[in-house]
């Protein structure tokens, strides 16, 4: 009689990845098999509270019923046409997304990095066609410690040596200035500047929130200097900070907004460049494209995401629960936490290095049933789904307190 097949454990599956997967990630040793809401379950049935939410790709939690239903309906009808033809879902998606952001036109793409790359092309084209910058001389000003992706063009203006080393030669045309420094930005912008591209909150750097007035200053400077303000809201947007967009905390309206991650609802990769008509209007057929960008399945899910945000419920939840998050973290300062930065349901927490690195603290939290991710040094990031309850959030903060005390 044939013996029953042995269920593969987490350790088995992790070992199986080693020889066949490129080693471009160093994940925590947990193998997720199922998920719902703010909770995930590994192959052995252990449950974990997800306090990372796919770097904000899961703002609405795992398998939100409205988003799953939208995907199922579309899967039964049509999934892909390419942009060689029209499809019956794309116009509604673009119209609703433009309305949500207060802008005019949408360029649908797939990943966040594609949205950034697309914005670089659009900004340069606008500089040549509209601003009158001589061909080949357009520059884009960015901030140090940025994270906009890891393509070769994007790492050309990164200051993260891990992302850069060994991948040159790099794309020219970028100027890097310190984040949150309006004087440095003013000095870097000149007649060749097509755009200033920044994150309104720097996520990968440790959820760095700029001083009040910085974003307003960027908007005023770009208007005065005649260049575009491009706001990368791929992590900070779509409810994460308690507003639809993080720039709304200062009442700022960029020329271009970049969206991704949560726009796909944790189901499919969806990103978009959303901009004023005179900016995206510079593109002509054949100058840019994507086989999958704007596909019917992505458009259906993206529309359902916009519908959730149109109610304002998730923005309110992030703002209200953000008070709980800040209060809990404030109570831990001096008890293993040396500082933190937070806005809405998003925080970078600096742990006392004597307690451990961010990786070590993340592993300890994992063993206690809470999933987070480290960033530089002894900093961990918290970005739970916006569907998390106050009780679940307080439980996670209690677990953090326990781990720090231990």
Protein backbone atom coordinates (compact mmCIF):
# COMPACT_ATOMS: atom_id res chain seq x y z
CA UNK A 1 0.00 0.00 0.00
CA UNK A 2 1.34 3.43 -0.95
CA UNK A 3 2.14 5.62 2.02
CA UNK A 4 0.21 8.90 2.20
CA UNK A 5 2.10 11.95 0.96
CA UNK A 6 3.69 13.90 3.79
CA UNK A 7 2.50 17.46 4.20
CA UNK A 8 5.39 19.81 3.52
CA UNK A 9 6.31 22.00 6.47
CA UNK A 10 7.43 25.61 6.44
CA UNK A 11 11.01 24.46 6.80
CA UNK A 12 10.61 22.08 3.84
CA UNK A 13 9.21 24.82 1.62
CA UNK A 14 11.86 27.36 2.62
CA UNK A 15 14.60 24.84 1.81
CA UNK A 16 12.93 24.07 -1.53
CA UNK A 17 13.16 27.73 -2.57
CA UNK A 18 16.92 27.97 -2.04
CA UNK A 19 18.18 26.35 -5.27
CA UNK A 20 15.47 27.64 -7.62
CA UNK A 21 14.62 31.21 -6.57
CA UNK A 22 16.88 34.20 -7.15
CA UNK A 23 18.16 35.45 -3.79
CA UNK A 24 16.97 39.04 -4.17
CA UNK A 25 14.88 38.87 -0.99
CA UNK A 26 15.58 37.86 2.60
CA UNK A 27 12.06 37.10 3.88
CA UNK A 28 11.15 36.24 7.43
CA UNK A 29 10.94 32.45 7.91
CA UNK A 30 7.15 32.18 7.73
CA UNK A 31 5.32 30.44 4.86
CA UNK A 32 1.85 31.92 4.40
CA UNK A 33 -0.83 29.63 2.98
CA UNK A 34 -4.13 31.42 3.72
CA UNK A 35 -5.29 34.87 4.72
CA UNK A 36 -8.37 36.90 5.54
CA UNK A 37 -8.73 40.47 6.73
CA UNK A 38 -5.78 41.40 8.94
CA UNK A 39 -4.77 37.78 9.60
CA UNK A 40 -2.61 35.24 7.77
CA UNK A 41 -2.07 31.56 8.46
CA UNK A 42 1.03 29.50 7.73
CA UNK A 43 1.16 25.95 6.35
CA UNK A 44 1.13 24.50 9.86
CA UNK A 45 -1.99 26.47 10.80
CA UNK A 46 -0.33 29.12 12.97
CA UNK A 47 -2.04 32.52 12.74
CA UNK A 48 -0.29 35.89 12.56
CA UNK A 49 -1.56 39.45 12.69
CA UNK A 50 -0.31 41.15 9.52
CA UNK A 51 1.10 44.55 10.47
CA UNK A 52 2.80 45.10 7.11
CA UNK A 53 -0.09 44.66 4.64
CA UNK A 54 2.17 44.07 1.65
CA UNK A 55 3.91 47.46 2.05
CA UNK A 56 0.42 49.06 1.73
CA UNK A 57 -0.68 46.87 -1.19
CA UNK A 58 -3.24 45.34 1.19
CA UNK A 59 -4.77 48.53 2.57
CA UNK A 60 -8.19 46.85 2.49
CA UNK A 61 -6.98 43.64 4.08
CA UNK A 62 -6.56 40.20 2.60
CA UNK A 63 -9.37 39.11 0.29
CA UNK A 64 -11.73 42.01 0.91
CA UNK A 65 -15.14 40.60 -0.12
CA UNK A 66 -16.07 43.52 -2.41
CA UNK A 67 -12.76 43.28 -4.26
CA UNK A 68 -12.85 39.49 -4.53
CA UNK A 69 -16.40 39.70 -5.87
CA UNK A 70 -15.38 42.27 -8.49
CA UNK A 71 -12.49 40.06 -9.60
CA UNK A 72 -14.69 36.96 -9.82
CA UNK A 73 -17.30 38.79 -11.90
CA UNK A 74 -14.67 40.00 -14.31
CA UNK A 75 -12.88 36.62 -14.52
CA UNK A 76 -16.10 35.17 -15.87
CA UNK A 77 -16.29 37.80 -18.63
CA UNK A 78 -12.95 39.09 -19.92
CA UNK A 79 -9.42 39.41 -18.56
CA UNK A 80 -7.17 40.83 -21.29
CA UNK A 81 -7.44 42.47 -24.68
CA UNK A 82 -4.18 44.46 -24.74
CA UNK A 83 -4.52 48.13 -25.61
CA UNK A 84 -4.77 47.19 -29.28
CA UNK A 85 -8.53 47.24 -28.64
CA UNK A 86 -10.86 49.07 -26.27
CA UNK A 87 -12.41 47.23 -23.34
CA UNK A 88 -15.64 48.00 -21.52
CA UNK A 89 -14.07 48.53 -18.06
CA UNK A 90 -11.24 50.96 -18.68
CA UNK A 91 -13.13 54.22 -19.21
CA UNK A 92 -15.05 53.86 -15.93
CA UNK A 93 -11.85 53.07 -14.03
CA UNK A 94 -10.02 56.11 -15.44
CA UNK A 95 -12.97 58.44 -14.85
CA UNK A 96 -13.47 57.32 -11.24
CA UNK A 97 -9.73 57.44 -10.43
CA UNK A 98 -9.32 60.91 -11.93
CA UNK A 99 -12.31 62.08 -9.92
CA UNK A 100 -10.93 60.60 -6.71
CA UNK A 101 -7.62 62.45 -7.09
CA UNK A 102 -9.04 65.69 -8.49
CA UNK A 103 -6.96 65.38 -11.66
CA UNK A 104 -7.89 64.95 -15.32
CA UNK A 105 -6.24 62.01 -17.09
CA UNK A 106 -4.99 58.53 -16.24
CA UNK A 107 -2.17 56.46 -17.72
CA UNK A 108 -2.76 52.88 -16.50
CA UNK A 109 0.25 50.66 -15.85
CA UNK A 110 0.95 47.60 -13.70
CA UNK A 111 3.64 48.06 -11.06
CA UNK A 112 4.75 51.04 -9.04
CA UNK A 113 8.13 51.10 -10.71
CA UNK A 114 6.40 51.25 -14.11
CA UNK A 115 4.39 54.23 -12.93
CA UNK A 116 7.58 56.02 -11.87
CA UNK A 117 9.36 55.18 -15.14
CA UNK A 118 6.30 56.41 -17.04
CA UNK A 119 6.28 59.66 -15.07
CA UNK A 120 9.96 60.23 -15.90
CA UNK A 121 9.18 59.88 -19.61
CA UNK A 122 6.10 62.08 -19.42
CA UNK A 123 7.92 64.80 -17.46
CA UNK A 124 10.76 64.87 -19.98
CA UNK A 125 8.36 64.97 -22.93
CA UNK A 126 6.43 67.82 -21.27
CA UNK A 127 9.68 69.70 -20.70
CA UNK A 128 10.60 69.49 -24.39
CA UNK A 129 7.15 70.03 -25.90
CA UNK A 130 5.66 72.55 -23.46
CA UNK A 131 8.40 74.17 -21.40
CA UNK A 132 10.86 74.42 -24.28
CA UNK A 133 13.88 72.74 -22.68
CA UNK A 134 16.48 71.93 -25.39
CA UNK A 135 16.32 68.30 -26.49
CA UNK A 136 18.31 65.92 -24.29
CA UNK A 137 18.88 68.46 -21.48
CA UNK A 138 15.87 67.90 -19.21
CA UNK A 139 16.62 67.25 -15.55
CA UNK A 140 14.50 65.87 -12.71
CA UNK A 141 15.18 66.75 -9.07
CA UNK A 142 14.70 64.01 -6.46
CA UNK A 143 15.31 63.59 -2.73
CA UNK A 144 18.04 61.63 -1.01
CA UNK A 145 16.97 58.42 0.78
CA UNK A 146 14.14 58.06 -1.74
CA UNK A 147 12.54 54.81 -2.75
CA UNK A 148 10.77 54.81 -6.11
CA UNK A 149 11.60 51.27 -7.26
CA UNK A 150 14.59 49.25 -8.41
CA UNK A 151 14.73 49.48 -12.21
CA UNK A 152 18.00 50.66 -13.71
CA UNK A 153 16.72 54.19 -14.33
CA UNK A 154 15.27 54.48 -10.83
CA UNK A 155 18.37 53.22 -9.02
CA UNK A 156 20.28 55.84 -11.00
CA UNK A 157 18.81 58.42 -8.62
CA UNK A 158 18.78 56.27 -5.49
CA UNK A 159 21.18 56.86 -2.60
CA UNK A 160 20.80 53.26 -1.41
CA UNK A 161 24.11 51.63 -2.27
CA UNK A 162 22.64 48.13 -1.92
CA UNK A 163 20.26 48.94 -4.76
CA UNK A 164 22.94 50.68 -6.86
CA UNK A 165 26.24 48.87 -6.47
CA UNK A 166 27.03 46.66 -9.44
CA UNK A 167 24.24 47.94 -11.67
CA UNK A 168 25.82 50.88 -13.53
CA UNK A 169 26.27 52.67 -15.83
CA UNK A 170 23.47 54.87 -14.60
CA UNK A 171 20.94 57.03 -16.41
CA UNK A 172 21.86 60.74 -16.38
CA UNK A 173 19.50 63.65 -15.92
CA UNK A 174 18.77 63.54 -12.18
CA UNK A 175 19.79 65.83 -9.33
CA UNK A 176 19.61 64.62 -5.74
CA UNK A 177 18.98 67.01 -2.86
CA UNK A 178 18.35 66.38 0.86
CA UNK A 179 14.73 65.56 1.73
CA UNK A 180 12.78 68.17 3.68
CA UNK A 181 15.20 70.95 2.61
CA UNK A 182 13.51 73.67 0.57
CA UNK A 183 16.67 75.76 0.25
CA UNK A 184 18.55 72.87 -1.34
CA UNK A 185 15.62 72.21 -3.65
CA UNK A 186 15.50 75.84 -4.72
CA UNK A 187 19.21 75.77 -5.56
CA UNK A 188 18.85 72.61 -7.67
CA UNK A 189 15.93 73.75 -9.84
CA UNK A 190 16.81 75.70 -12.98
CA UNK A 191 15.57 76.27 -16.52
CA UNK A 192 16.27 72.63 -17.47
CA UNK A 193 14.18 71.18 -14.66
CA UNK A 194 11.24 69.16 -15.92
CA UNK A 195 9.96 68.04 -12.53
CA UNK A 196 10.52 67.61 -8.83
CA UNK A 197 9.76 63.98 -7.95
CA UNK A 198 9.33 63.23 -4.25
CA UNK A 199 7.48 60.99 -1.81
CA UNK A 200 5.26 63.10 0.46
CA UNK A 201 6.32 60.66 3.19
CA UNK A 202 9.43 58.54 2.66
CA UNK A 203 8.38 54.96 3.38
CA UNK A 204 11.48 52.83 2.82
CA UNK A 205 13.61 55.38 4.66
CA UNK A 206 11.60 54.66 7.82
CA UNK A 207 8.30 56.54 7.35
CA UNK A 208 9.97 59.94 7.36
CA UNK A 209 7.34 62.68 7.67
CA UNK A 210 8.55 66.10 6.47
CA UNK A 211 8.12 69.31 8.41
CA UNK A 212 4.80 71.11 8.16
CA UNK A 213 4.97 73.42 5.18
CA UNK A 214 7.50 71.40 3.19
CA UNK A 215 5.00 70.08 0.65
CA UNK A 216 3.40 73.50 0.37
CA UNK A 217 6.86 74.91 -0.28
CA UNK A 218 7.54 72.31 -2.99
CA UNK A 219 4.27 73.23 -4.69
CA UNK A 220 4.97 76.96 -4.53
CA UNK A 221 8.54 76.53 -5.78
CA UNK A 222 7.60 74.31 -8.73
CA UNK A 223 4.88 76.73 -9.82
CA UNK A 224 7.23 79.68 -9.56
CA UNK A 225 10.04 77.90 -11.42
CA UNK A 226 7.76 76.50 -14.11
CA UNK A 227 8.28 72.77 -13.55
CA UNK A 228 6.07 69.86 -12.52
CA UNK A 229 5.44 68.59 -9.01
CA UNK A 230 5.26 64.77 -9.18
CA UNK A 231 4.08 63.14 -5.94
CA UNK A 232 4.89 59.44 -5.53
CA UNK A 233 1.92 58.20 -3.50
CA UNK A 234 2.46 54.52 -4.29
CA UNK A 235 2.90 53.68 -0.59
CA UNK A 236 1.42 56.76 1.08
CA UNK A 237 -1.74 57.08 -1.01
CA UNK A 238 -5.21 55.54 -1.07
CA UNK A 239 -6.14 56.02 2.56
CA UNK A 240 -2.95 54.96 4.34
CA UNK A 241 -2.30 58.28 6.11
CA UNK A 242 -5.90 59.16 6.94
CA UNK A 243 -6.47 61.04 3.68
CA UNK A 244 -6.93 59.77 0.14
CA UNK A 245 -3.51 61.21 -0.69
CA UNK A 246 -0.78 62.18 1.76
CA UNK A 247 -0.39 65.60 0.09
CA UNK A 248 -3.90 66.44 1.25
CA UNK A 249 -2.57 66.96 4.79
CA UNK A 250 -1.25 70.29 3.48
CA UNK A 251 -3.99 70.92 0.93
CA UNK A 252 -1.47 70.53 -1.90
CA UNK A 253 -2.43 69.63 -5.47
CA UNK A 254 0.48 68.16 -7.48
CA UNK A 255 0.59 68.17 -11.26
CA UNK A 256 1.15 64.40 -11.31
CA UNK A 257 0.29 61.70 -8.77
CA UNK A 258 1.72 58.19 -8.92
CA UNK A 259 -0.39 55.35 -7.54
CA UNK A 260 0.09 51.61 -7.22
CA UNK A 261 0.11 48.89 -4.55
CA UNK A 262 -3.33 49.31 -2.89
CA UNK A 263 -4.85 50.24 -6.27
CA UNK A 264 -4.83 46.52 -7.12
CA UNK A 265 -6.52 45.54 -3.87
CA UNK A 266 -3.95 42.83 -3.18
CA UNK A 267 -5.35 40.86 -6.12
CA UNK A 268 -3.61 42.07 -9.28
CA UNK A 269 -0.80 44.57 -9.92
CA UNK A 270 -2.33 47.91 -10.88
CA UNK A 271 -0.61 51.29 -11.05
CA UNK A 272 -1.35 54.60 -12.64
CA UNK A 273 0.04 58.00 -13.52
CA UNK A 274 -2.73 60.52 -12.84
CA UNK A 275 -2.13 64.06 -14.03
CA UNK A 276 -3.41 67.31 -15.41
CA UNK A 277 -4.58 67.08 -19.01
CA UNK A 278 -1.84 69.36 -20.35
CA UNK A 279 0.78 67.03 -18.86
CA UNK A 280 -0.43 63.57 -19.89
CA UNK A 281 -1.72 65.09 -23.12
CA UNK A 282 1.85 65.20 -24.46
CA UNK A 283 1.80 61.45 -25.16
CA UNK A 284 0.96 60.27 -28.66
CA UNK A 285 0.25 56.74 -29.96
CA UNK A 286 3.36 54.58 -29.99
CA UNK A 287 5.37 56.73 -27.56
CA UNK A 288 4.53 54.66 -24.49
CA UNK A 289 2.54 51.55 -23.70
CA UNK A 290 1.95 48.34 -21.80
CA UNK A 291 0.37 45.06 -22.91
CA UNK A 292 -1.26 44.51 -19.53
CA UNK A 293 -1.70 48.12 -18.40
CA UNK A 294 -5.41 48.91 -18.22
CA UNK A 295 -6.50 45.30 -18.73
CA UNK A 296 -10.17 44.60 -17.93
CA UNK A 297 -9.47 42.56 -14.80
CA UNK A 298 -7.19 45.26 -13.39
CA UNK A 299 -9.70 47.97 -14.32
CA UNK A 300 -12.54 46.09 -12.60
CA UNK A 301 -10.56 45.61 -9.40
CA UNK A 302 -9.21 49.17 -9.52
CA UNK A 303 -12.73 50.55 -9.92
CA UNK A 304 -13.86 48.55 -6.88
CA UNK A 305 -10.93 49.99 -4.90
CA UNK A 306 -11.92 53.53 -5.89
CA UNK A 307 -15.52 52.79 -4.86
CA UNK A 308 -14.34 51.78 -1.38
CA UNK A 309 -12.36 55.01 -1.05
CA UNK A 310 -15.17 57.21 -2.36
CA UNK A 311 -17.14 56.53 0.83
CA UNK A 312 -14.36 58.02 2.98
CA UNK A 313 -14.72 55.14 5.45
CA UNK A 314 -11.15 53.90 5.12
CA UNK A 315 -9.61 57.33 5.33
CA UNK A 316 -11.56 57.93 8.56
CA UNK A 317 -10.51 54.56 9.98
CA UNK A 318 -6.85 55.28 9.26
CA UNK A 319 -7.10 58.67 10.93
CA UNK A 320 -8.94 57.37 14.00
CA UNK A 321 -6.82 54.25 14.47
CA UNK A 322 -3.74 56.36 13.81
CA UNK A 323 -4.45 58.06 17.14
CA UNK A 324 -4.38 54.63 18.82
CA UNK A 325 -1.15 53.75 17.03
CA UNK A 326 0.59 57.00 18.01
CA UNK A 327 -0.57 56.73 21.60
CA UNK A 328 0.66 53.16 21.90
CA UNK A 329 4.05 53.99 20.42
CA UNK A 330 4.40 57.10 22.58
CA UNK A 331 3.92 54.93 25.66
CA UNK A 332 6.87 52.76 24.56
CA UNK A 333 9.36 55.61 24.18
CA UNK A 334 12.03 54.99 26.78
CA UNK A 335 10.92 51.37 27.09
CA UNK A 336 12.84 50.04 24.12
CA UNK A 337 11.64 52.59 21.58
CA UNK A 338 13.95 55.57 21.11
CA UNK A 339 11.70 57.40 18.64
CA UNK A 340 9.02 57.00 16.03
CA UNK A 341 7.34 58.80 13.15
CA UNK A 342 3.70 58.16 12.26
CA UNK A 343 0.88 59.44 10.12
CA UNK A 344 -2.41 57.61 9.95
CA UNK A 345 -1.89 53.84 10.09
CA UNK A 346 1.76 54.05 9.11
CA UNK A 347 4.76 54.28 11.41
CA UNK A 348 8.51 53.91 11.48
CA UNK A 349 9.68 52.77 14.91
CA UNK A 350 13.29 53.20 16.02
CA UNK A 351 14.22 50.47 18.48
CA UNK A 352 17.08 50.81 20.95
CA UNK A 353 20.02 49.13 19.12
CA UNK A 354 20.97 47.46 22.40
CA UNK A 355 17.78 45.42 22.10
CA UNK A 356 18.50 44.28 18.56
CA UNK A 357 18.43 45.11 14.89
CA UNK A 358 15.18 45.70 13.08
CA UNK A 359 15.49 42.22 11.62
CA UNK A 360 15.96 40.64 15.04
CA UNK A 361 12.97 42.48 16.49
CA UNK A 362 10.87 41.44 13.47
CA UNK A 363 11.81 37.79 14.01
CA UNK A 364 10.89 38.00 17.71
CA UNK A 365 7.53 39.55 16.84
CA UNK A 366 6.95 36.82 14.26
CA UNK A 367 7.46 34.17 16.93
CA UNK A 368 4.81 35.97 18.99
CA UNK A 369 2.33 36.01 16.08
CA UNK A 370 2.83 39.53 14.68
CA UNK A 371 4.34 40.22 11.26
CA UNK A 372 6.27 43.45 10.59
CA UNK A 373 9.25 44.33 8.42
CA UNK A 374 12.52 45.98 9.26
CA UNK A 375 14.18 48.74 7.33
CA UNK A 376 17.53 50.42 7.95
CA UNK A 377 19.37 49.60 11.18
CA UNK A 378 17.08 49.11 14.16
CA UNK A 379 13.94 50.55 12.57
CA UNK A 380 10.77 48.56 11.93
CA UNK A 381 7.80 49.63 9.84
CA UNK A 382 4.17 49.23 10.84
CA UNK A 383 1.50 49.45 8.13
CA UNK A 384 -1.49 47.29 9.10
CA UNK A 385 -4.52 46.89 6.86
CA UNK A 386 -6.97 49.76 7.26
CA UNK A 387 -9.54 47.10 8.19
CA UNK A 388 -7.73 46.23 11.42
CA UNK A 389 -9.79 46.68 14.58
CA UNK A 390 -8.71 48.82 17.52
CA UNK A 391 -8.51 45.64 19.61
CA UNK A 392 -6.22 43.95 17.10
CA UNK A 393 -4.04 47.06 16.88
CA UNK A 394 -3.78 47.31 20.66
CA UNK A 395 -2.90 43.61 20.81
CA UNK A 396 -0.06 44.13 18.31
CA UNK A 397 1.25 47.07 20.32
CA UNK A 398 1.08 44.94 23.45
CA UNK A 399 3.09 42.24 21.74
CA UNK A 400 5.68 44.82 20.71
CA UNK A 401 5.91 45.98 24.32
CA UNK A 402 6.39 42.36 25.46
CA UNK A 403 9.14 41.73 22.89
CA UNK A 404 10.98 44.92 23.79
CA UNK A 405 10.79 44.12 27.50
CA UNK A 406 12.10 40.60 26.94
